[in-house]
Amino acid sequence: MGHNKRTLHEKARALTQLELGMSVIRVAADLKVSRQAIYNLNHVAAPLPSGAIPKRKVRSGAVRKTSIRTDNILKREVMSDPAVTASTLKKKHPDLLKHVAIRTIQHRLQKDLSLPTRRAAMKPLLTEAMKKKRINFCKKYQHWTSDDWKKVFRNRLLPA
């Protein structure tokens, strides 16, 4: 059970055992938690009506900037276009992401939605000389049949 790991089911089980008259030590041993955890649970549950389970305390931390609905919209956008960037998403949805940082959008996509990050491969562009060579090659062999190309392929496979 441990700190911050007690589920409602485990809390209910511990409180039921205490109501049935089991000692705190036995309940703690049964649930594999410290006695202090059981004492604290019993103390918090004392003012509540019988059978009620205490809820988790509200923890500190910043409030989420995006809702589940917004996260789903972001996921749909990325699934339809994997090359889209976080800044593009922010520009595309100014009403939803007005007060959200680009880094927050990246975190939502990577951490919460488990979408992989990718970077486009860097490759050189074709120069004018390369383009001319390709066109000349195509014009030179445009009349060739598939049988002619098979001969070239066969000659490449056979040792010289």
N, C-alpha and C. Protein backbone atom coordinates (compact mmCIF):
# COMPACT_ATOMS: atom_id res chain seq x y z
N MET A 1 0.85 -1.17 0.00
CA MET A 1 0.00 0.00 0.00
C MET A 1 0.90 1.23 0.00
N GLY A 2 1.63 1.56 1.00
CA GLY A 2 2.61 2.63 0.99
C GLY A 2 2.05 4.01 0.74
N HIS A 3 2.90 5.00 0.90
CA HIS A 3 2.50 6.40 0.73
C HIS A 3 2.09 6.67 -0.71
N ASN A 4 0.96 7.30 -0.91
CA ASN A 4 0.42 7.68 -2.22
C ASN A 4 0.05 6.49 -3.10
N LYS A 5 0.09 5.28 -2.57
CA LYS A 5 -0.21 4.12 -3.40
C LYS A 5 -1.44 3.35 -2.94
N ARG A 6 -2.12 3.86 -1.96
CA ARG A 6 -3.30 3.15 -1.45
C ARG A 6 -4.48 3.38 -2.39
N THR A 7 -5.02 2.30 -2.89
CA THR A 7 -6.21 2.41 -3.72
C THR A 7 -7.44 2.45 -2.82
N LEU A 8 -8.55 2.81 -3.41
CA LEU A 8 -9.80 2.85 -2.64
C LEU A 8 -10.14 1.45 -2.12
N HIS A 9 -9.82 0.44 -2.91
CA HIS A 9 -10.10 -0.94 -2.51
C HIS A 9 -9.28 -1.31 -1.27
N GLU A 10 -8.01 -0.92 -1.26
CA GLU A 10 -7.15 -1.24 -0.11
C GLU A 10 -7.58 -0.47 1.13
N LYS A 11 -7.98 0.79 0.94
CA LYS A 11 -8.46 1.58 2.08
C LYS A 11 -9.72 0.95 2.67
N ALA A 12 -10.63 0.54 1.79
CA ALA A 12 -11.88 -0.07 2.25
C ALA A 12 -11.58 -1.37 3.00
N ARG A 13 -10.65 -2.14 2.49
CA ARG A 13 -10.29 -3.40 3.15
C ARG A 13 -9.71 -3.15 4.54
N ALA A 14 -8.82 -2.15 4.63
CA ALA A 14 -8.20 -1.85 5.93
C ALA A 14 -9.26 -1.37 6.93
N LEU A 15 -10.14 -0.47 6.48
CA LEU A 15 -11.17 0.06 7.38
C LEU A 15 -12.16 -1.02 7.81
N THR A 16 -12.48 -1.93 6.90
CA THR A 16 -13.38 -3.04 7.24
C THR A 16 -12.74 -3.94 8.29
N GLN A 17 -11.46 -4.24 8.11
CA GLN A 17 -10.78 -5.09 9.08
C GLN A 17 -10.72 -4.42 10.45
N LEU A 18 -10.51 -3.09 10.47
CA LEU A 18 -10.48 -2.37 11.75
C LEU A 18 -11.86 -2.39 12.40
N GLU A 19 -12.92 -2.24 11.61
CA GLU A 19 -14.29 -2.27 12.17
C GLU A 19 -14.63 -3.65 12.72
N LEU A 20 -14.05 -4.69 12.11
CA LEU A 20 -14.31 -6.05 12.59
C LEU A 20 -13.52 -6.38 13.85
N GLY A 21 -12.67 -5.44 14.28
CA GLY A 21 -11.98 -5.63 15.54
C GLY A 21 -10.55 -6.10 15.43
N MET A 22 -10.01 -6.18 14.21
CA MET A 22 -8.61 -6.58 14.06
C MET A 22 -7.71 -5.47 14.58
N SER A 23 -6.56 -5.83 15.10
CA SER A 23 -5.63 -4.82 15.62
C SER A 23 -4.94 -4.11 14.45
N VAL A 24 -4.46 -2.92 14.72
CA VAL A 24 -3.77 -2.13 13.71
C VAL A 24 -2.54 -2.87 13.21
N ILE A 25 -1.86 -3.56 14.12
CA ILE A 25 -0.65 -4.30 13.75
C ILE A 25 -0.97 -5.41 12.75
N ARG A 26 -2.06 -6.14 12.99
CA ARG A 26 -2.44 -7.24 12.09
C ARG A 26 -2.90 -6.70 10.73
N VAL A 27 -3.64 -5.59 10.75
CA VAL A 27 -4.10 -5.00 9.48
C VAL A 27 -2.90 -4.51 8.67
N ALA A 28 -1.95 -3.87 9.34
CA ALA A 28 -0.75 -3.39 8.67
C ALA A 28 0.05 -4.54 8.08
N ALA A 29 0.17 -5.63 8.84
CA ALA A 29 0.90 -6.80 8.35
C ALA A 29 0.18 -7.43 7.17
N ASP A 30 -1.15 -7.49 7.26
CA ASP A 30 -1.95 -8.09 6.18
C ASP A 30 -1.81 -7.30 4.88
N LEU A 31 -1.82 -5.98 4.99
CA LEU A 31 -1.75 -5.14 3.79
C LEU A 31 -0.32 -4.76 3.42
N LYS A 32 0.65 -5.20 4.22
CA LYS A 32 2.07 -4.94 3.98
C LYS A 32 2.37 -3.45 3.92
N VAL A 33 1.88 -2.74 4.96
CA VAL A 33 2.17 -1.31 5.11
C VAL A 33 2.61 -1.07 6.55
N SER A 34 3.03 0.16 6.79
CA SER A 34 3.44 0.48 8.16
C SER A 34 2.21 0.67 9.05
N ARG A 35 2.43 0.52 10.35
CA ARG A 35 1.33 0.76 11.30
C ARG A 35 0.89 2.20 11.24
N GLN A 36 1.85 3.10 11.02
CA GLN A 36 1.52 4.53 10.96
C GLN A 36 0.55 4.82 9.81
N ALA A 37 0.70 4.13 8.69
CA ALA A 37 -0.20 4.32 7.56
C ALA A 37 -1.63 3.94 7.95
N ILE A 38 -1.77 2.86 8.71
CA ILE A 38 -3.10 2.43 9.15
C ILE A 38 -3.66 3.40 10.20
N TYR A 39 -2.81 3.85 11.13
CA TYR A 39 -3.26 4.84 12.11
C TYR A 39 -3.75 6.12 11.41
N ASN A 40 -2.98 6.58 10.44
CA ASN A 40 -3.37 7.80 9.71
C ASN A 40 -4.68 7.60 8.97
N LEU A 41 -4.84 6.46 8.32
CA LEU A 41 -6.08 6.17 7.60
C LEU A 41 -7.26 6.13 8.56
N ASN A 42 -7.08 5.51 9.70
CA ASN A 42 -8.14 5.42 10.70
C ASN A 42 -8.49 6.81 11.24
N HIS A 43 -7.48 7.64 11.42
CA HIS A 43 -7.69 9.00 11.93
C HIS A 43 -8.49 9.84 10.92
N VAL A 44 -8.15 9.72 9.65
CA VAL A 44 -8.84 10.49 8.61
C VAL A 44 -10.27 9.98 8.42
N ALA A 45 -10.49 8.67 8.60
CA ALA A 45 -11.81 8.09 8.39
C ALA A 45 -12.73 8.25 9.60
N ALA A 46 -12.20 8.62 10.76
CA ALA A 46 -13.00 8.71 11.99
C ALA A 46 -14.19 9.67 11.87
N PRO A 47 -14.03 10.89 11.34
CA PRO A 47 -15.19 11.78 11.28
C PRO A 47 -16.20 11.42 10.18
N LEU A 48 -15.82 10.55 9.28
CA LEU A 48 -16.72 10.17 8.18
C LEU A 48 -17.75 9.16 8.67
N PRO A 49 -18.90 9.07 7.99
CA PRO A 49 -19.90 8.06 8.37
C PRO A 49 -19.36 6.65 8.14
N SER A 50 -19.97 5.69 8.80
CA SER A 50 -19.52 4.31 8.70
C SER A 50 -19.64 3.82 7.25
N GLY A 51 -18.61 3.18 6.78
CA GLY A 51 -18.60 2.66 5.41
C GLY A 51 -18.04 3.64 4.39
N ALA A 52 -17.84 4.90 4.78
CA ALA A 52 -17.29 5.88 3.86
C ALA A 52 -15.77 5.74 3.79
N ILE A 53 -15.23 5.95 2.60
CA ILE A 53 -13.79 5.83 2.40
C ILE A 53 -13.22 7.22 2.13
N PRO A 54 -12.18 7.61 2.86
CA PRO A 54 -11.62 8.94 2.64
C PRO A 54 -10.99 9.05 1.25
N LYS A 55 -11.22 10.20 0.61
CA LYS A 55 -10.65 10.45 -0.71
C LYS A 55 -9.23 10.95 -0.57
N ARG A 56 -8.51 10.93 -1.68
CA ARG A 56 -7.14 11.45 -1.68
C ARG A 56 -7.14 12.94 -1.48
N LYS A 57 -6.12 13.43 -0.82
CA LYS A 57 -5.97 14.86 -0.65
C LYS A 57 -5.59 15.49 -1.98
N VAL A 58 -5.96 16.74 -2.17
CA VAL A 58 -5.56 17.47 -3.34
C VAL A 58 -4.08 17.79 -3.18
N ARG A 59 -3.30 17.42 -4.14
CA ARG A 59 -1.85 17.61 -4.07
C ARG A 59 -1.45 18.95 -4.65
N SER A 60 -0.25 19.37 -4.31
CA SER A 60 0.26 20.62 -4.84
C SER A 60 0.70 20.41 -6.28
N GLY A 61 0.95 21.49 -6.97
CA GLY A 61 1.42 21.43 -8.34
C GLY A 61 0.55 22.30 -9.23
N ALA A 62 1.05 22.56 -10.39
CA ALA A 62 0.35 23.41 -11.34
C ALA A 62 -0.85 22.69 -11.94
N VAL A 63 -1.84 23.45 -12.30
CA VAL A 63 -3.02 22.92 -12.96
C VAL A 63 -2.66 22.63 -14.41
N ARG A 64 -3.19 21.56 -14.95
CA ARG A 64 -2.91 21.21 -16.34
C ARG A 64 -3.38 22.30 -17.28
N LYS A 65 -2.56 22.61 -18.28
CA LYS A 65 -2.90 23.64 -19.24
C LYS A 65 -3.81 23.12 -20.35
N THR A 66 -3.77 21.80 -20.59
CA THR A 66 -4.59 21.22 -21.65
C THR A 66 -5.57 20.23 -21.05
N SER A 67 -6.73 20.15 -21.66
CA SER A 67 -7.73 19.18 -21.20
C SER A 67 -7.56 17.88 -21.98
N ILE A 68 -8.30 16.88 -21.60
CA ILE A 68 -8.27 15.60 -22.31
C ILE A 68 -8.79 15.80 -23.73
N ARG A 69 -9.79 16.64 -23.88
CA ARG A 69 -10.34 16.93 -25.21
C ARG A 69 -9.28 17.56 -26.10
N THR A 70 -8.53 18.52 -25.55
CA THR A 70 -7.47 19.17 -26.32
C THR A 70 -6.38 18.17 -26.68
N ASP A 71 -6.02 17.29 -25.75
CA ASP A 71 -5.01 16.27 -26.03
C ASP A 71 -5.47 15.36 -27.16
N ASN A 72 -6.74 15.00 -27.18
CA ASN A 72 -7.26 14.15 -28.25
C ASN A 72 -7.21 14.85 -29.60
N ILE A 73 -7.49 16.15 -29.60
CA ILE A 73 -7.41 16.92 -30.85
C ILE A 73 -5.96 16.94 -31.35
N LEU A 74 -5.02 17.16 -30.43
CA LEU A 74 -3.60 17.16 -30.81
C LEU A 74 -3.20 15.80 -31.38
N LYS A 75 -3.65 14.74 -30.72
CA LYS A 75 -3.29 13.39 -31.18
C LYS A 75 -3.86 13.13 -32.58
N ARG A 76 -5.10 13.55 -32.81
CA ARG A 76 -5.72 13.36 -34.12
C ARG A 76 -4.94 14.09 -35.21
N GLU A 77 -4.51 15.31 -34.90
CA GLU A 77 -3.73 16.11 -35.86
C GLU A 77 -2.42 15.41 -36.20
N VAL A 78 -1.73 14.91 -35.17
CA VAL A 78 -0.43 14.28 -35.39
C VAL A 78 -0.59 12.95 -36.13
N MET A 79 -1.64 12.22 -35.83
CA MET A 79 -1.86 10.94 -36.52
C MET A 79 -2.18 11.16 -38.00
N SER A 80 -2.87 12.25 -38.32
CA SER A 80 -3.18 12.51 -39.73
C SER A 80 -1.98 13.07 -40.48
N ASP A 81 -1.09 13.78 -39.78
CA ASP A 81 0.12 14.33 -40.40
C ASP A 81 1.28 14.20 -39.43
N PRO A 82 2.05 13.11 -39.50
CA PRO A 82 3.13 12.89 -38.54
C PRO A 82 4.25 13.93 -38.59
N ALA A 83 4.34 14.69 -39.68
CA ALA A 83 5.42 15.67 -39.81
C ALA A 83 5.06 17.02 -39.19
N VAL A 84 3.87 17.15 -38.64
CA VAL A 84 3.44 18.43 -38.07
C VAL A 84 4.23 18.72 -36.78
N THR A 85 4.57 20.00 -36.58
CA THR A 85 5.34 20.39 -35.41
C THR A 85 4.43 20.99 -34.34
N ALA A 86 4.96 21.13 -33.15
CA ALA A 86 4.19 21.69 -32.04
C ALA A 86 3.84 23.15 -32.31
N SER A 87 4.76 23.90 -32.91
CA SER A 87 4.47 25.31 -33.21
C SER A 87 3.39 25.43 -34.28
N THR A 88 3.38 24.51 -35.23
CA THR A 88 2.32 24.50 -36.25
C THR A 88 0.97 24.20 -35.60
N LEU A 89 0.96 23.25 -34.67
CA LEU A 89 -0.29 22.93 -33.97
C LEU A 89 -0.81 24.13 -33.19
N LYS A 90 0.10 24.86 -32.56
CA LYS A 90 -0.31 26.03 -31.78
C LYS A 90 -0.91 27.11 -32.69
N LYS A 91 -0.31 27.29 -33.87
CA LYS A 91 -0.84 28.28 -34.82
C LYS A 91 -2.17 27.82 -35.41
N LYS A 92 -2.33 26.52 -35.58
CA LYS A 92 -3.54 25.97 -36.18
C LYS A 92 -4.75 26.04 -35.24
N HIS A 93 -4.49 25.96 -33.92
CA HIS A 93 -5.56 25.98 -32.92
C HIS A 93 -5.32 27.10 -31.91
N PRO A 94 -5.43 28.36 -32.32
CA PRO A 94 -5.13 29.45 -31.39
C PRO A 94 -6.13 29.55 -30.24
N ASP A 95 -7.37 29.15 -30.48
CA ASP A 95 -8.37 29.24 -29.41
C ASP A 95 -8.12 28.21 -28.31
N LEU A 96 -7.65 27.02 -28.66
CA LEU A 96 -7.40 25.97 -27.67
C LEU A 96 -6.05 26.13 -26.98
N LEU A 97 -5.04 26.59 -27.72
CA LEU A 97 -3.67 26.59 -27.21
C LEU A 97 -3.11 27.99 -27.03
N LYS A 98 -3.98 28.96 -26.75
CA LYS A 98 -3.55 30.35 -26.63
C LYS A 98 -2.54 30.53 -25.50
N HIS A 99 -2.79 29.95 -24.36
CA HIS A 99 -1.94 30.14 -23.18
C HIS A 99 -1.05 28.93 -22.89
N VAL A 100 -0.81 28.11 -23.90
CA VAL A 100 -0.02 26.90 -23.73
C VAL A 100 1.32 27.07 -24.45
N ALA A 101 2.40 26.77 -23.76
CA ALA A 101 3.73 26.88 -24.37
C ALA A 101 3.96 25.75 -25.36
N ILE A 102 4.82 26.00 -26.32
CA ILE A 102 5.14 24.99 -27.33
C ILE A 102 5.76 23.76 -26.66
N ARG A 103 6.59 23.99 -25.65
CA ARG A 103 7.21 22.88 -24.94
C ARG A 103 6.16 22.02 -24.23
N THR A 104 5.10 22.64 -23.74
CA THR A 104 4.01 21.89 -23.10
C THR A 104 3.32 21.00 -24.13
N ILE A 105 3.10 21.53 -25.32
CA ILE A 105 2.48 20.74 -26.39
C ILE A 105 3.37 19.55 -26.72
N GLN A 106 4.68 19.78 -26.80
CA GLN A 106 5.62 18.68 -27.07
C GLN A 106 5.54 17.63 -25.97
N HIS A 107 5.46 18.06 -24.70
CA HIS A 107 5.36 17.11 -23.59
C HIS A 107 4.07 16.30 -23.69
N ARG A 108 2.97 16.94 -24.01
CA ARG A 108 1.70 16.21 -24.12
C ARG A 108 1.81 15.12 -25.19
N LEU A 109 2.41 15.47 -26.33
CA LEU A 109 2.52 14.50 -27.43
C LEU A 109 3.47 13.36 -27.07
N GLN A 110 4.59 13.69 -26.41
CA GLN A 110 5.60 12.68 -26.14
C GLN A 110 5.29 11.86 -24.90
N LYS A 111 5.01 12.52 -23.80
CA LYS A 111 4.87 11.82 -22.52
C LYS A 111 3.46 11.27 -22.30
N ASP A 112 2.46 12.13 -22.44
CA ASP A 112 1.09 11.71 -22.12
C ASP A 112 0.47 10.85 -23.21
N LEU A 113 0.69 11.22 -24.47
CA LEU A 113 0.07 10.49 -25.57
C LEU A 113 0.99 9.42 -26.16
N SER A 114 2.23 9.35 -25.68
CA SER A 114 3.20 8.33 -26.10
C SER A 114 3.42 8.29 -27.61
N LEU A 115 3.47 9.47 -28.22
CA LEU A 115 3.74 9.53 -29.65
C LEU A 115 5.24 9.70 -29.85
N PRO A 116 5.82 8.97 -30.79
CA PRO A 116 7.27 9.06 -30.98
C PRO A 116 7.67 10.39 -31.63
N THR A 117 8.89 10.82 -31.33
CA THR A 117 9.41 12.03 -31.96
C THR A 117 10.34 11.60 -33.08
N ARG A 118 10.25 12.34 -34.17
CA ARG A 118 11.09 12.02 -35.32
C ARG A 118 11.64 13.31 -35.90
N ARG A 119 12.79 13.18 -36.51
CA ARG A 119 13.39 14.30 -37.21
C ARG A 119 13.58 13.86 -38.65
N ALA A 120 13.28 14.74 -39.60
CA ALA A 120 13.42 14.41 -41.01
C ALA A 120 14.88 14.12 -41.33
N ALA A 121 15.10 13.14 -42.20
CA ALA A 121 16.46 12.78 -42.59
C ALA A 121 17.08 13.91 -43.41
N MET A 122 18.34 14.19 -43.13
CA MET A 122 19.06 15.21 -43.87
C MET A 122 19.68 14.56 -45.10
N LYS A 123 19.31 15.04 -46.26
CA LYS A 123 19.91 14.50 -47.48
C LYS A 123 20.14 15.65 -48.45
N PRO A 124 21.16 15.55 -49.28
CA PRO A 124 21.44 16.65 -50.19
C PRO A 124 20.39 16.75 -51.29
N LEU A 125 20.15 17.95 -51.74
CA LEU A 125 19.20 18.17 -52.83
C LEU A 125 19.89 17.89 -54.16
N LEU A 126 19.10 17.64 -55.19
CA LEU A 126 19.67 17.41 -56.51
C LEU A 126 20.15 18.73 -57.11
N THR A 127 21.35 18.69 -57.66
CA THR A 127 21.87 19.88 -58.33
C THR A 127 21.38 19.89 -59.78
N GLU A 128 21.60 20.99 -60.49
CA GLU A 128 21.18 21.07 -61.90
C GLU A 128 21.93 20.05 -62.74
N ALA A 129 23.22 19.83 -62.46
CA ALA A 129 24.01 18.85 -63.21
C ALA A 129 23.44 17.44 -63.02
N MET A 130 23.06 17.10 -61.77
CA MET A 130 22.47 15.78 -61.51
C MET A 130 21.16 15.60 -62.28
N LYS A 131 20.34 16.63 -62.29
CA LYS A 131 19.05 16.57 -62.99
C LYS A 131 19.26 16.36 -64.48
N LYS A 132 20.24 17.07 -65.08
CA LYS A 132 20.52 16.92 -66.52
C LYS A 132 21.00 15.52 -66.83
N LYS A 133 21.89 14.96 -65.99
CA LYS A 133 22.38 13.60 -66.20
C LYS A 133 21.25 12.59 -66.17
N ARG A 134 20.33 12.75 -65.25
CA ARG A 134 19.19 11.82 -65.15
C ARG A 134 18.30 11.89 -66.38
N ILE A 135 18.03 13.11 -66.82
CA ILE A 135 17.18 13.28 -68.02
C ILE A 135 17.87 12.69 -69.25
N ASN A 136 19.17 12.93 -69.41
CA ASN A 136 19.90 12.36 -70.55
C ASN A 136 19.88 10.85 -70.52
N PHE A 137 20.06 10.25 -69.33
CA PHE A 137 20.01 8.79 -69.19
C PHE A 137 18.64 8.26 -69.63
N CYS A 138 17.59 8.92 -69.16
CA CYS A 138 16.24 8.46 -69.49
C CYS A 138 15.96 8.56 -70.98
N LYS A 139 16.41 9.66 -71.60
CA LYS A 139 16.19 9.82 -73.05
C LYS A 139 16.98 8.80 -73.85
N LYS A 140 18.20 8.48 -73.37
CA LYS A 140 19.07 7.54 -74.08
C LYS A 140 18.46 6.13 -74.11
N TYR A 141 17.82 5.73 -73.01
CA TYR A 141 17.32 4.36 -72.89
C TYR A 141 15.79 4.26 -72.90
N GLN A 142 15.09 5.27 -73.36
CA GLN A 142 13.63 5.25 -73.29
C GLN A 142 13.01 4.21 -74.23
N HIS A 143 13.72 3.83 -75.29
CA HIS A 143 13.17 2.86 -76.24
C HIS A 143 13.44 1.41 -75.83
N TRP A 144 14.20 1.18 -74.77
CA TRP A 144 14.53 -0.17 -74.34
C TRP A 144 13.29 -0.91 -73.84
N THR A 145 13.27 -2.21 -74.10
CA THR A 145 12.17 -3.05 -73.61
C THR A 145 12.56 -3.66 -72.27
N SER A 146 11.62 -4.35 -71.68
CA SER A 146 11.92 -5.00 -70.40
C SER A 146 12.93 -6.13 -70.58
N ASP A 147 12.94 -6.77 -71.77
CA ASP A 147 13.94 -7.83 -72.03
C ASP A 147 15.35 -7.25 -72.05
N ASP A 148 15.51 -6.05 -72.63
CA ASP A 148 16.82 -5.40 -72.63
C ASP A 148 17.30 -5.14 -71.20
N TRP A 149 16.41 -4.69 -70.35
CA TRP A 149 16.78 -4.40 -68.96
C TRP A 149 17.07 -5.69 -68.19
N LYS A 150 16.39 -6.77 -68.54
CA LYS A 150 16.67 -8.06 -67.88
C LYS A 150 18.07 -8.53 -68.19
N LYS A 151 18.53 -8.27 -69.44
CA LYS A 151 19.90 -8.66 -69.81
C LYS A 151 20.92 -7.89 -68.96
N VAL A 152 20.65 -6.61 -68.73
CA VAL A 152 21.56 -5.81 -67.92
C VAL A 152 21.61 -6.37 -66.50
N PHE A 153 20.45 -6.68 -65.99
CA PHE A 153 20.38 -7.21 -64.63
C PHE A 153 21.10 -8.55 -64.53
N ARG A 154 20.90 -9.43 -65.54
CA ARG A 154 21.52 -10.75 -65.54
C ARG A 154 23.03 -10.61 -65.61
N ASN A 155 23.53 -9.69 -66.44
CA ASN A 155 24.97 -9.49 -66.56
C ASN A 155 25.58 -8.97 -65.27
N ARG A 156 24.83 -8.21 -64.51
CA ARG A 156 25.34 -7.68 -63.24
C ARG A 156 25.49 -8.79 -62.20
N LEU A 157 24.60 -9.79 -62.24
CA LEU A 157 24.63 -10.86 -61.27
C LEU A 157 25.73 -11.88 -61.57
N LEU A 158 26.02 -12.07 -62.87
CA LEU A 158 27.04 -13.07 -63.24
C LEU A 158 28.42 -12.48 -63.04
N PRO A 159 29.37 -13.28 -62.53
CA PRO A 159 30.74 -12.76 -62.35
C PRO A 159 31.41 -12.53 -63.70
N ALA A 160 32.24 -11.52 -63.77
CA ALA A 160 32.90 -11.16 -65.03
C ALA A 160 34.03 -12.07 -65.38
